[in-house]
Amino acid sequence: VQLVESGGGSVKPGGSLRLSCEGRGLNYFHVGWFRQAPGKEREMVSYISVSDGSTYYEDSVKGRFTISRDQIQNTVYLEMSSLKPEDTGVYYCAVGVLGGSQPEAWPYWGQGTQVTVSS
């Protein structure tokens, strides 16, 4: 599965970005978004289930981020609003069949897209 991410950039605190993850066959997998800040481990931010469309959000992004799936476009989006400096990092999308928050459970990864939130 080849994944292509886009939509990263630099914004000021309070700003918004929409990340996209596109890939053939995406509709058959759980899709997760992870981020990795400098010097920190990769952590799950959100994921969307393939089976029932249920979603998960890490506590710090609840109410600010929204994950959604466009099955026609084979794309999963992560809408990010009210961005904070601590949201800064490289954001990766990943697909898998097991789900869960551990990066090791996700076999396929995109190349990552940088998000920088700074005044």
N, C-alpha and C. Protein backbone atom coordinates (compact mmCIF):
# COMPACT_ATOMS: atom_id res chain seq x y z
N VAL A 1 0.86 -1.18 0.00
CA VAL A 1 0.00 0.00 0.00
C VAL A 1 0.90 1.23 0.00
N GLN A 2 0.71 2.08 -0.98
CA GLN A 2 1.51 3.30 -1.07
C GLN A 2 0.64 4.47 -0.62
N LEU A 3 1.14 5.23 0.34
CA LEU A 3 0.39 6.33 0.91
C LEU A 3 1.07 7.65 0.58
N VAL A 4 0.28 8.64 0.23
CA VAL A 4 0.81 9.97 -0.07
C VAL A 4 0.10 10.98 0.82
N GLU A 5 0.88 11.68 1.64
CA GLU A 5 0.33 12.69 2.53
C GLU A 5 0.57 14.07 1.95
N SER A 6 -0.31 14.97 2.30
CA SER A 6 -0.15 16.36 1.89
C SER A 6 -0.90 17.24 2.87
N GLY A 7 -0.63 18.54 2.78
CA GLY A 7 -1.40 19.49 3.57
C GLY A 7 -0.67 20.10 4.75
N GLY A 8 0.54 19.67 5.03
CA GLY A 8 1.27 20.26 6.13
C GLY A 8 1.69 21.69 5.81
N GLY A 9 2.22 22.37 6.81
CA GLY A 9 2.68 23.74 6.60
C GLY A 9 2.95 24.42 7.91
N SER A 10 3.15 25.72 7.82
CA SER A 10 3.41 26.54 9.01
C SER A 10 2.23 27.46 9.25
N VAL A 11 1.74 27.47 10.48
CA VAL A 11 0.62 28.33 10.84
C VAL A 11 0.89 28.94 12.21
N LYS A 12 0.15 29.99 12.50
CA LYS A 12 0.24 30.62 13.82
C LYS A 12 -0.70 29.91 14.78
N PRO A 13 -0.45 30.02 16.05
CA PRO A 13 -1.36 29.43 17.03
C PRO A 13 -2.80 29.89 16.78
N GLY A 14 -3.71 28.93 16.88
CA GLY A 14 -5.10 29.22 16.59
C GLY A 14 -5.49 28.95 15.15
N GLY A 15 -4.50 28.69 14.30
CA GLY A 15 -4.77 28.44 12.90
C GLY A 15 -5.26 27.04 12.62
N SER A 16 -5.49 26.78 11.33
CA SER A 16 -6.05 25.49 10.91
C SER A 16 -5.27 24.93 9.73
N LEU A 17 -5.29 23.62 9.65
CA LEU A 17 -4.72 22.91 8.50
C LEU A 17 -5.55 21.67 8.24
N ARG A 18 -5.53 21.20 7.01
CA ARG A 18 -6.16 19.93 6.67
C ARG A 18 -5.11 19.04 6.03
N LEU A 19 -4.86 17.92 6.66
CA LEU A 19 -3.95 16.93 6.12
C LEU A 19 -4.73 15.89 5.33
N SER A 20 -4.11 15.41 4.25
CA SER A 20 -4.72 14.37 3.43
C SER A 20 -3.79 13.17 3.33
N CYS A 21 -4.40 12.01 3.30
CA CYS A 21 -3.66 10.76 3.12
C CYS A 21 -4.38 9.98 2.03
N GLU A 22 -3.73 9.82 0.90
CA GLU A 22 -4.35 9.17 -0.25
C GLU A 22 -3.60 7.88 -0.57
N GLY A 23 -4.37 6.85 -0.93
CA GLY A 23 -3.73 5.60 -1.31
C GLY A 23 -4.73 4.61 -1.88
N ARG A 24 -4.32 3.89 -2.88
CA ARG A 24 -5.16 2.85 -3.44
C ARG A 24 -5.36 1.76 -2.39
N GLY A 25 -6.58 1.31 -2.27
CA GLY A 25 -6.87 0.28 -1.29
C GLY A 25 -7.09 0.80 0.12
N LEU A 26 -7.04 2.11 0.29
CA LEU A 26 -7.19 2.68 1.63
C LEU A 26 -8.51 2.29 2.28
N ASN A 27 -9.52 2.09 1.46
CA ASN A 27 -10.85 1.82 1.97
C ASN A 27 -10.95 0.48 2.68
N TYR A 28 -9.93 -0.36 2.56
CA TYR A 28 -9.99 -1.70 3.14
C TYR A 28 -9.23 -1.80 4.46
N PHE A 29 -8.74 -0.67 4.96
CA PHE A 29 -7.92 -0.69 6.15
C PHE A 29 -8.38 0.32 7.19
N HIS A 30 -8.00 0.06 8.45
CA HIS A 30 -8.04 1.13 9.44
C HIS A 30 -6.99 2.15 9.01
N VAL A 31 -7.24 3.41 9.26
CA VAL A 31 -6.27 4.46 8.94
C VAL A 31 -6.01 5.29 10.18
N GLY A 32 -4.76 5.46 10.48
CA GLY A 32 -4.36 6.24 11.64
C GLY A 32 -3.48 7.41 11.27
N TRP A 33 -3.55 8.45 12.08
CA TRP A 33 -2.62 9.57 11.97
C TRP A 33 -1.75 9.60 13.23
N PHE A 34 -0.46 9.69 13.02
CA PHE A 34 0.51 9.77 14.10
C PHE A 34 1.31 11.06 13.94
N ARG A 35 1.91 11.49 15.00
CA ARG A 35 2.83 12.62 14.89
C ARG A 35 4.07 12.34 15.72
N GLN A 36 5.16 12.96 15.29
CA GLN A 36 6.42 12.82 16.01
C GLN A 36 7.06 14.18 16.13
N ALA A 37 7.16 14.64 17.37
CA ALA A 37 7.83 15.90 17.64
C ALA A 37 9.32 15.65 17.82
N PRO A 38 10.16 16.66 17.61
CA PRO A 38 11.60 16.48 17.77
C PRO A 38 11.96 15.92 19.14
N GLY A 39 12.73 14.86 19.16
CA GLY A 39 13.17 14.28 20.41
C GLY A 39 12.14 13.44 21.14
N LYS A 40 10.99 13.24 20.51
CA LYS A 40 9.93 12.48 21.17
C LYS A 40 9.55 11.26 20.34
N GLU A 41 8.86 10.34 20.99
CA GLU A 41 8.42 9.15 20.29
C GLU A 41 7.19 9.46 19.43
N ARG A 42 7.01 8.64 18.43
CA ARG A 42 5.84 8.78 17.58
C ARG A 42 4.60 8.39 18.38
N GLU A 43 3.56 9.21 18.29
CA GLU A 43 2.35 8.95 19.04
C GLU A 43 1.13 9.03 18.14
N MET A 44 0.12 8.22 18.49
CA MET A 44 -1.10 8.27 17.72
C MET A 44 -1.90 9.52 18.07
N VAL A 45 -2.43 10.14 17.04
CA VAL A 45 -3.28 11.31 17.21
C VAL A 45 -4.75 10.95 17.03
N SER A 46 -5.01 10.12 16.00
CA SER A 46 -6.39 9.79 15.69
C SER A 46 -6.40 8.57 14.77
N TYR A 47 -7.52 7.84 14.78
CA TYR A 47 -7.68 6.84 13.74
C TYR A 47 -9.16 6.64 13.43
N ILE A 48 -9.41 6.06 12.27
CA ILE A 48 -10.77 5.78 11.84
C ILE A 48 -10.84 4.32 11.44
N SER A 49 -11.87 3.67 11.94
CA SER A 49 -12.03 2.24 11.72
C SER A 49 -12.59 1.95 10.33
N VAL A 50 -12.13 0.85 9.73
CA VAL A 50 -12.65 0.44 8.43
C VAL A 50 -14.01 -0.23 8.58
N SER A 51 -14.27 -0.83 9.73
CA SER A 51 -15.46 -1.66 9.87
C SER A 51 -16.73 -0.84 10.09
N ASP A 52 -16.67 0.12 11.00
CA ASP A 52 -17.89 0.87 11.30
C ASP A 52 -17.70 2.38 11.27
N GLY A 53 -16.51 2.81 10.86
CA GLY A 53 -16.26 4.25 10.78
C GLY A 53 -16.05 4.92 12.11
N SER A 54 -15.95 4.14 13.18
CA SER A 54 -15.73 4.75 14.50
C SER A 54 -14.37 5.43 14.52
N THR A 55 -14.25 6.40 15.39
CA THR A 55 -13.03 7.21 15.44
C THR A 55 -12.46 7.26 16.85
N TYR A 56 -11.17 7.55 16.89
CA TYR A 56 -10.46 7.70 18.16
C TYR A 56 -9.64 8.98 18.07
N TYR A 57 -9.58 9.69 19.21
CA TYR A 57 -8.74 10.89 19.28
C TYR A 57 -7.94 10.86 20.57
N GLU A 58 -6.69 11.22 20.45
CA GLU A 58 -5.86 11.38 21.63
C GLU A 58 -6.40 12.57 22.43
N ASP A 59 -6.31 12.51 23.75
CA ASP A 59 -6.98 13.50 24.60
C ASP A 59 -6.63 14.94 24.24
N SER A 60 -5.39 15.21 23.91
CA SER A 60 -4.97 16.59 23.69
C SER A 60 -5.55 17.20 22.42
N VAL A 61 -6.11 16.38 21.53
CA VAL A 61 -6.64 16.92 20.28
C VAL A 61 -8.15 16.82 20.20
N LYS A 62 -8.78 16.22 21.19
CA LYS A 62 -10.24 16.09 21.17
C LYS A 62 -10.88 17.46 21.09
N GLY A 63 -11.87 17.57 20.21
CA GLY A 63 -12.57 18.83 20.03
C GLY A 63 -11.87 19.78 19.08
N ARG A 64 -10.65 19.47 18.69
CA ARG A 64 -9.90 20.35 17.77
C ARG A 64 -9.61 19.67 16.44
N PHE A 65 -9.42 18.35 16.46
CA PHE A 65 -9.10 17.61 15.25
C PHE A 65 -10.29 16.73 14.87
N THR A 66 -10.47 16.54 13.57
CA THR A 66 -11.53 15.67 13.06
C THR A 66 -10.96 14.80 11.95
N ILE A 67 -11.15 13.51 12.09
CA ILE A 67 -10.71 12.57 11.05
C ILE A 67 -11.92 12.13 10.25
N SER A 68 -11.75 12.00 8.94
CA SER A 68 -12.85 11.59 8.09
C SER A 68 -12.30 10.83 6.89
N ARG A 69 -13.19 10.09 6.26
CA ARG A 69 -12.79 9.24 5.15
C ARG A 69 -13.65 9.55 3.94
N ASP A 70 -13.04 9.69 2.78
CA ASP A 70 -13.75 9.86 1.51
C ASP A 70 -13.46 8.61 0.70
N GLN A 71 -14.42 7.71 0.67
CA GLN A 71 -14.19 6.42 0.02
C GLN A 71 -14.07 6.56 -1.49
N ILE A 72 -14.72 7.53 -2.07
CA ILE A 72 -14.63 7.70 -3.52
C ILE A 72 -13.22 8.16 -3.91
N GLN A 73 -12.65 9.03 -3.10
CA GLN A 73 -11.32 9.57 -3.38
C GLN A 73 -10.21 8.72 -2.78
N ASN A 74 -10.55 7.64 -2.09
CA ASN A 74 -9.53 6.82 -1.40
C ASN A 74 -8.63 7.69 -0.54
N THR A 75 -9.26 8.57 0.22
CA THR A 75 -8.50 9.55 0.99
C THR A 75 -9.05 9.65 2.40
N VAL A 76 -8.16 9.82 3.34
CA VAL A 76 -8.54 10.12 4.72
C VAL A 76 -7.98 11.49 5.07
N TYR A 77 -8.81 12.30 5.71
CA TYR A 77 -8.42 13.65 6.06
C TYR A 77 -8.27 13.80 7.57
N LEU A 78 -7.41 14.69 7.96
CA LEU A 78 -7.33 15.12 9.36
C LEU A 78 -7.45 16.64 9.37
N GLU A 79 -8.63 17.09 9.79
CA GLU A 79 -8.88 18.52 9.91
C GLU A 79 -8.38 18.97 11.27
N MET A 80 -7.49 19.93 11.29
CA MET A 80 -6.91 20.41 12.54
C MET A 80 -7.22 21.88 12.72
N SER A 81 -7.80 22.22 13.84
CA SER A 81 -8.12 23.62 14.11
C SER A 81 -7.62 23.98 15.50
N SER A 82 -7.66 25.26 15.81
CA SER A 82 -7.16 25.77 17.10
C SER A 82 -5.79 25.20 17.41
N LEU A 83 -4.94 25.24 16.42
CA LEU A 83 -3.63 24.61 16.56
C LEU A 83 -2.79 25.31 17.61
N LYS A 84 -1.99 24.51 18.30
CA LYS A 84 -1.13 24.99 19.37
C LYS A 84 0.33 24.67 19.04
N PRO A 85 1.25 25.38 19.62
CA PRO A 85 2.67 25.07 19.36
C PRO A 85 3.02 23.61 19.66
N GLU A 86 2.38 23.03 20.65
CA GLU A 86 2.67 21.63 20.98
C GLU A 86 2.14 20.64 19.96
N ASP A 87 1.40 21.12 18.97
CA ASP A 87 0.97 20.25 17.86
C ASP A 87 2.06 20.12 16.80
N THR A 88 3.11 20.85 16.93
CA THR A 88 4.20 20.83 15.96
C THR A 88 4.84 19.44 15.88
N GLY A 89 5.12 19.01 14.67
CA GLY A 89 5.78 17.72 14.47
C GLY A 89 5.58 17.24 13.05
N VAL A 90 6.15 16.09 12.77
CA VAL A 90 5.92 15.43 11.49
C VAL A 90 4.71 14.51 11.66
N TYR A 91 3.75 14.68 10.79
CA TYR A 91 2.52 13.89 10.85
C TYR A 91 2.58 12.80 9.79
N TYR A 92 2.29 11.59 10.23
CA TYR A 92 2.31 10.43 9.35
C TYR A 92 0.94 9.77 9.32
N CYS A 93 0.53 9.30 8.16
CA CYS A 93 -0.63 8.43 8.13
C CYS A 93 -0.14 7.00 8.01
N ALA A 94 -0.93 6.09 8.51
CA ALA A 94 -0.59 4.68 8.50
C ALA A 94 -1.85 3.87 8.31
N VAL A 95 -1.69 2.70 7.71
CA VAL A 95 -2.84 1.82 7.53
C VAL A 95 -2.51 0.43 8.07
N GLY A 96 -3.53 -0.24 8.53
CA GLY A 96 -3.34 -1.58 9.05
C GLY A 96 -4.67 -2.26 9.28
N VAL A 97 -4.59 -3.49 9.75
CA VAL A 97 -5.81 -4.27 9.99
C VAL A 97 -6.06 -4.50 11.47
N LEU A 98 -5.05 -4.22 12.30
CA LEU A 98 -5.20 -4.46 13.73
C LEU A 98 -5.70 -3.25 14.48
N GLY A 99 -5.30 -2.06 14.06
CA GLY A 99 -5.65 -0.87 14.80
C GLY A 99 -4.82 -0.74 16.06
N GLY A 100 -5.29 0.08 16.99
CA GLY A 100 -4.56 0.27 18.23
C GLY A 100 -3.62 1.46 18.15
N SER A 101 -3.08 1.86 19.30
CA SER A 101 -2.27 3.07 19.36
C SER A 101 -0.78 2.84 19.18
N GLN A 102 -0.35 1.59 19.14
CA GLN A 102 1.08 1.33 19.02
C GLN A 102 1.53 1.37 17.57
N PRO A 103 2.55 2.18 17.28
CA PRO A 103 3.03 2.28 15.89
C PRO A 103 3.42 0.92 15.30
N GLU A 104 3.90 0.01 16.15
CA GLU A 104 4.34 -1.29 15.66
C GLU A 104 3.21 -2.11 15.04
N ALA A 105 1.97 -1.76 15.36
CA ALA A 105 0.82 -2.51 14.85
C ALA A 105 0.38 -2.05 13.47
N TRP A 106 1.05 -1.01 12.95
CA TRP A 106 0.65 -0.41 11.67
C TRP A 106 1.76 -0.66 10.66
N PRO A 107 1.54 -1.52 9.66
CA PRO A 107 2.63 -1.92 8.77
C PRO A 107 2.94 -0.97 7.62
N TYR A 108 1.99 -0.14 7.24
CA TYR A 108 2.21 0.70 6.07
C TYR A 108 2.15 2.17 6.47
N TRP A 109 3.15 2.93 6.02
CA TRP A 109 3.29 4.32 6.43
C TRP A 109 3.53 5.24 5.24
N GLY A 110 3.04 6.47 5.37
CA GLY A 110 3.37 7.50 4.42
C GLY A 110 4.72 8.12 4.76
N GLN A 111 5.12 9.09 3.96
CA GLN A 111 6.45 9.70 4.11
C GLN A 111 6.47 10.80 5.18
N GLY A 112 5.31 11.24 5.60
CA GLY A 112 5.24 12.28 6.63
C GLY A 112 5.11 13.66 6.03
N THR A 113 4.45 14.53 6.77
CA THR A 113 4.32 15.93 6.36
C THR A 113 4.52 16.80 7.60
N GLN A 114 5.29 17.86 7.45
CA GLN A 114 5.65 18.70 8.58
C GLN A 114 4.55 19.69 8.90
N VAL A 115 4.21 19.78 10.17
CA VAL A 115 3.30 20.79 10.68
C VAL A 115 4.05 21.61 11.72
N THR A 116 4.09 22.91 11.52
CA THR A 116 4.77 23.80 12.45
C THR A 116 3.79 24.87 12.90
N VAL A 117 3.61 24.97 14.20
CA VAL A 117 2.72 25.98 14.78
C VAL A 117 3.58 26.91 15.63
N SER A 118 3.70 28.13 15.17
CA SER A 118 4.58 29.08 15.83
C SER A 118 4.14 30.50 15.54
N SER A 119 4.31 31.35 16.52
CA SER A 119 3.98 32.75 16.33
C SER A 119 5.17 33.52 15.76
